[in-house]
N, C-alpha and C. Protein backbone atom coordinates (compact mmCIF):
# COMPACT_ATOMS: atom_id res chain seq x y z
N MET A 1 179.70 -27.87 16.16
CA MET A 1 180.11 -27.77 14.76
C MET A 1 180.57 -26.40 14.08
N ASP A 2 181.47 -26.48 12.96
CA ASP A 2 181.60 -25.06 12.32
C ASP A 2 180.13 -25.28 11.45
N GLY A 3 180.18 -23.93 11.46
CA GLY A 3 178.86 -23.61 10.40
C GLY A 3 177.42 -23.54 10.98
N GLY A 4 177.47 -24.00 12.75
CA GLY A 4 176.21 -24.16 13.65
C GLY A 4 176.27 -25.49 13.54
N THR A 5 176.01 -26.69 13.31
CA THR A 5 175.44 -27.55 13.31
C THR A 5 175.45 -28.22 14.54
N THR A 6 174.38 -28.62 15.35
CA THR A 6 174.24 -29.23 16.81
C THR A 6 173.70 -30.35 16.50
N PHE A 7 174.47 -31.35 17.21
CA PHE A 7 173.73 -32.68 17.74
C PHE A 7 173.25 -32.92 19.35
N HIS A 8 172.05 -33.50 19.01
CA HIS A 8 171.18 -33.67 20.43
C HIS A 8 170.95 -35.49 20.46
N PHE A 9 171.13 -35.53 21.51
CA PHE A 9 171.16 -37.29 21.81
C PHE A 9 169.59 -37.29 22.75
N VAL A 10 168.53 -38.38 22.21
CA VAL A 10 167.64 -38.73 23.18
C VAL A 10 167.47 -39.59 23.22
N THR A 11 167.07 -39.85 24.35
CA THR A 11 166.72 -41.38 24.70
C THR A 11 165.15 -41.34 25.47
N GLU A 12 164.51 -40.41 25.24
CA GLU A 12 163.16 -40.99 25.79
C GLU A 12 162.30 -40.93 24.69
N GLY A 13 162.61 -41.41 23.41
CA GLY A 13 161.63 -41.63 22.14
C GLY A 13 161.43 -40.62 20.97
N PRO A 14 160.85 -41.05 19.68
CA PRO A 14 161.06 -40.52 18.69
C PRO A 14 160.41 -38.60 18.94
N GLU A 15 159.43 -39.12 19.42
CA GLU A 15 158.22 -37.83 19.54
C GLU A 15 158.82 -36.94 20.26
N VAL A 16 159.61 -37.06 21.23
CA VAL A 16 160.38 -36.05 21.93
C VAL A 16 161.53 -35.66 21.60
N GLY A 17 162.38 -36.52 21.05
CA GLY A 17 163.52 -36.17 20.01
C GLY A 17 163.02 -34.92 19.01
N LEU A 18 162.22 -35.44 18.27
CA LEU A 18 161.51 -34.44 17.12
C LEU A 18 161.13 -33.03 17.72
N GLN A 19 160.59 -33.47 18.86
CA GLN A 19 160.06 -31.73 19.51
C GLN A 19 161.08 -31.03 20.22
N ARG A 20 161.94 -31.71 20.35
CA ARG A 20 163.39 -31.13 21.11
C ARG A 20 164.01 -30.39 19.96
N ALA A 21 164.25 -30.87 18.28
CA ALA A 21 164.83 -30.74 17.56
C ALA A 21 163.78 -29.16 16.97
N PHE A 22 162.66 -29.77 16.88
CA PHE A 22 161.55 -28.20 16.29
C PHE A 22 162.42 -27.41 16.86
N ASP A 23 161.93 -27.29 18.69
CA ASP A 23 162.46 -26.41 19.02
C ASP A 23 163.63 -25.69 19.29
N ALA A 24 164.57 -26.32 18.74
CA ALA A 24 166.06 -25.79 18.78
C ALA A 24 166.32 -25.40 17.02
N ALA A 25 165.64 -25.36 16.80
CA ALA A 25 165.67 -24.89 14.98
C ALA A 25 164.99 -23.64 14.75
N ALA A 26 164.15 -23.57 16.06
CA ALA A 26 163.16 -22.27 15.79
C ALA A 26 162.67 -21.63 14.23
N GLY A 27 161.93 -23.00 13.90
CA GLY A 27 161.31 -22.49 12.32
C GLY A 27 162.30 -23.13 11.15
N LEU A 28 163.10 -23.49 11.37
CA LEU A 28 163.93 -23.91 10.28
C LEU A 28 163.80 -25.30 10.00
N ASP A 29 164.63 -25.70 8.67
CA ASP A 29 164.25 -27.36 8.75
C ASP A 29 164.67 -28.34 9.58
N VAL A 30 164.42 -29.37 10.13
CA VAL A 30 164.67 -30.29 11.26
C VAL A 30 165.30 -31.72 9.79
N ARG A 31 166.40 -31.80 10.18
CA ARG A 31 166.65 -33.73 9.35
C ARG A 31 167.22 -34.38 10.53
N LEU A 32 166.74 -35.57 10.34
CA LEU A 32 167.32 -36.97 11.18
C LEU A 32 168.36 -37.37 10.46
N GLY A 33 169.09 -38.06 11.51
CA GLY A 33 170.00 -38.34 11.13
C GLY A 33 170.38 -39.62 11.99
N GLY A 34 171.05 -40.66 11.08
CA GLY A 34 171.28 -42.35 12.08
C GLY A 34 171.13 -43.01 11.02
N GLY A 35 171.30 -44.29 11.46
CA GLY A 35 171.42 -45.63 10.71
C GLY A 35 170.12 -46.30 10.90
N VAL A 36 169.55 -47.15 9.86
CA VAL A 36 168.73 -47.93 9.50
C VAL A 36 167.24 -48.06 10.77
N ALA A 37 167.99 -48.44 11.66
CA ALA A 37 167.19 -48.37 13.41
C ALA A 37 166.22 -47.40 13.58
N THR A 38 167.64 -46.42 13.53
CA THR A 38 166.64 -44.63 13.79
C THR A 38 165.68 -44.40 12.53
N VAL A 39 165.82 -44.46 11.56
CA VAL A 39 164.85 -44.20 10.53
C VAL A 39 163.77 -44.91 10.46
N GLN A 40 163.57 -45.92 10.33
CA GLN A 40 162.80 -46.87 10.72
C GLN A 40 161.78 -46.67 12.35
N THR A 41 162.18 -46.00 13.31
CA THR A 41 162.06 -45.63 14.06
C THR A 41 160.59 -44.68 13.87
N TYR A 42 161.40 -43.75 13.41
CA TYR A 42 160.34 -42.57 12.92
C TYR A 42 159.77 -42.75 11.71
N LEU A 43 160.09 -43.57 10.97
CA LEU A 43 158.75 -43.73 10.07
C LEU A 43 157.78 -44.99 10.14
N ARG A 44 158.05 -45.38 11.43
CA ARG A 44 157.05 -46.33 11.70
C ARG A 44 155.97 -45.48 12.91
N ALA A 45 156.80 -44.69 13.43
CA ALA A 45 155.83 -43.40 14.08
C ALA A 45 155.08 -42.26 13.57
N GLY A 46 155.46 -42.72 12.01
CA GLY A 46 154.80 -41.31 11.24
C GLY A 46 155.12 -39.97 11.56
N LEU A 47 156.03 -40.28 11.94
CA LEU A 47 157.31 -38.73 11.92
C LEU A 47 158.16 -38.40 10.91
N VAL A 48 157.99 -38.99 9.75
CA VAL A 48 158.79 -38.23 8.39
C VAL A 48 158.01 -37.78 7.38
N ASP A 49 158.04 -36.33 7.23
CA ASP A 49 157.20 -35.87 6.07
C ASP A 49 158.16 -36.13 4.61
N GLU A 50 159.31 -36.16 4.94
CA GLU A 50 159.97 -36.78 3.53
C GLU A 50 161.34 -37.34 3.32
N LEU A 51 161.59 -38.39 3.02
CA LEU A 51 162.68 -39.09 2.86
C LEU A 51 163.79 -38.73 1.82
N HIS A 52 164.71 -38.68 1.59
CA HIS A 52 165.83 -38.60 0.42
C HIS A 52 167.05 -39.34 0.74
N LEU A 53 166.68 -40.50 -0.50
CA LEU A 53 167.31 -41.56 -0.34
C LEU A 53 168.34 -41.49 -1.44
N ALA A 54 169.98 -41.68 -1.12
CA ALA A 54 171.16 -41.60 -2.29
C ALA A 54 171.72 -42.86 -2.40
N ILE A 55 171.41 -43.59 -3.19
CA ILE A 55 171.63 -45.19 -3.81
C ILE A 55 172.62 -45.30 -4.81
N ALA A 56 173.73 -45.40 -4.29
CA ALA A 56 175.07 -45.99 -4.82
C ALA A 56 175.26 -47.50 -5.04
N PRO A 57 174.78 -48.04 -6.76
CA PRO A 57 175.51 -49.16 -7.06
C PRO A 57 176.66 -49.83 -6.32
N ILE A 58 177.10 -50.21 -5.21
CA ILE A 58 178.31 -50.17 -4.90
C ILE A 58 177.58 -51.72 -3.77
N LEU A 59 178.70 -52.59 -4.06
CA LEU A 59 178.26 -54.49 -3.28
C LEU A 59 179.31 -53.57 -2.02
N LEU A 60 178.58 -54.05 -0.86
CA LEU A 60 179.11 -53.73 0.46
C LEU A 60 178.82 -54.75 1.43
N GLY A 61 178.56 -55.55 0.86
CA GLY A 61 177.79 -57.21 2.10
C GLY A 61 176.53 -57.16 1.84
N ALA A 62 175.92 -57.73 3.02
CA ALA A 62 174.87 -58.14 3.10
C ALA A 62 173.64 -56.89 3.91
N GLY A 63 174.55 -55.65 4.30
CA GLY A 63 173.44 -54.58 4.88
C GLY A 63 172.44 -54.97 5.63
N GLU A 64 171.67 -53.56 5.70
CA GLU A 64 170.06 -53.55 6.31
C GLU A 64 169.21 -52.81 5.35
N ARG A 65 168.13 -53.63 5.21
CA ARG A 65 166.99 -53.15 4.52
C ARG A 65 166.15 -52.01 5.13
N LEU A 66 166.33 -50.88 4.37
CA LEU A 66 165.36 -49.76 4.86
C LEU A 66 164.09 -49.79 5.23
N LEU A 67 163.80 -50.37 3.72
CA LEU A 67 162.15 -50.39 4.03
C LEU A 67 161.71 -51.61 4.43
N ASP A 68 162.16 -52.53 4.88
CA ASP A 68 161.85 -53.66 5.02
C ASP A 68 160.90 -53.78 6.76
N GLY A 69 159.58 -54.52 7.25
CA GLY A 69 159.71 -54.69 8.68
C GLY A 69 158.50 -52.99 8.92
N LEU A 70 158.41 -52.68 7.53
CA LEU A 70 157.63 -51.12 8.43
C LEU A 70 155.88 -51.23 8.19
N GLY A 71 155.65 -52.36 7.90
CA GLY A 71 153.61 -52.78 7.49
C GLY A 71 153.34 -51.70 6.75
N GLU A 72 152.48 -51.26 7.28
CA GLU A 72 151.38 -50.43 6.81
C GLU A 72 152.28 -48.74 6.41
N SER A 73 153.14 -48.57 7.73
CA SER A 73 153.71 -47.43 7.43
C SER A 73 154.20 -47.02 5.71
N ARG A 74 154.42 -48.05 5.26
CA ARG A 74 155.75 -47.96 3.95
C ARG A 74 154.48 -47.43 3.29
N ASP A 75 153.03 -47.40 3.26
CA ASP A 75 152.26 -47.20 2.25
C ASP A 75 151.96 -45.51 2.22
N LEU A 76 152.33 -45.23 3.53
CA LEU A 76 151.68 -43.72 3.74
C LEU A 76 152.81 -42.53 2.77
N TYR A 77 153.79 -43.64 1.84
CA TYR A 77 154.98 -42.54 0.92
C TYR A 77 154.73 -42.98 0.12
N GLU A 78 154.99 -41.83 -1.06
CA GLU A 78 155.09 -41.98 -2.84
C GLU A 78 155.92 -41.36 -3.03
N CYS A 79 156.91 -42.00 -4.04
CA CYS A 79 158.47 -41.32 -4.72
C CYS A 79 157.73 -40.14 -5.83
N THR A 80 158.13 -39.06 -4.83
CA THR A 80 157.75 -37.65 -5.72
C THR A 80 159.18 -37.41 -6.51
N GLN A 81 159.89 -37.55 -6.21
CA GLN A 81 161.74 -37.27 -7.25
C GLN A 81 162.45 -38.68 -7.25
N LEU A 82 162.84 -38.98 -8.70
CA LEU A 82 163.67 -39.49 -8.91
C LEU A 82 164.41 -38.85 -10.05
N VAL A 83 165.83 -38.87 -9.61
CA VAL A 83 166.78 -38.60 -10.48
C VAL A 83 168.38 -39.44 -10.55
N CYS A 84 168.45 -39.94 -11.67
CA CYS A 84 169.46 -40.76 -11.83
C CYS A 84 170.44 -40.84 -12.75
N THR A 85 171.77 -40.57 -12.18
CA THR A 85 173.15 -40.71 -13.04
C THR A 85 173.76 -42.21 -12.94
N ASP A 86 175.06 -41.95 -13.74
CA ASP A 86 175.30 -43.47 -13.51
C ASP A 86 175.90 -44.07 -12.37
N ALA A 87 176.62 -42.94 -11.55
CA ALA A 87 177.00 -43.42 -10.22
C ALA A 87 175.90 -42.94 -8.77
N VAL A 88 174.70 -42.52 -9.10
CA VAL A 88 173.66 -42.61 -7.90
C VAL A 88 172.45 -42.61 -8.38
N ALA A 89 171.43 -42.91 -7.19
CA ALA A 89 170.32 -42.53 -8.06
C ALA A 89 169.73 -41.94 -6.58
N HIS A 90 168.74 -40.66 -6.73
CA HIS A 90 168.35 -39.90 -5.90
C HIS A 90 167.16 -40.15 -5.79
N VAL A 91 166.43 -40.39 -4.52
CA VAL A 91 164.91 -41.00 -4.57
C VAL A 91 164.11 -39.92 -3.39
N VAL A 92 163.04 -39.61 -3.76
CA VAL A 92 162.64 -38.64 -2.27
C VAL A 92 161.37 -38.94 -2.37
N LEU A 93 161.10 -39.95 -1.17
CA LEU A 93 159.96 -39.91 -0.66
C LEU A 93 158.94 -39.39 0.17
N SER A 94 157.99 -39.11 -0.03
CA SER A 94 157.32 -37.98 0.34
C SER A 94 155.81 -38.66 0.88
N ARG A 95 155.38 -37.77 2.15
CA ARG A 95 154.04 -38.37 2.56
C ARG A 95 153.10 -38.06 2.16
N ARG A 96 152.04 -38.93 1.47
CA ARG A 96 151.04 -38.68 0.86
C ARG A 96 149.86 -38.38 1.32
């Protein structure tokens, strides 16, 4: 993509995908992109150091609950930053 963004699609599991991302990043930050199922997979595996959520108060339907079904993995994170405006709340969850 313009600006040097590269996407890699991996089917071998989250650990393999993350290792490939680290190798490709050559020391730069690695960010996870995807839907709820993808994020939950990496959270359950304990592979997320920091999670930035942008929450907009707009009703779009039933949606999917990001933090449901995570069990004890949910307890590994704490809110380290909260910035709110009338339009959005930015929440940063960091590994304890």
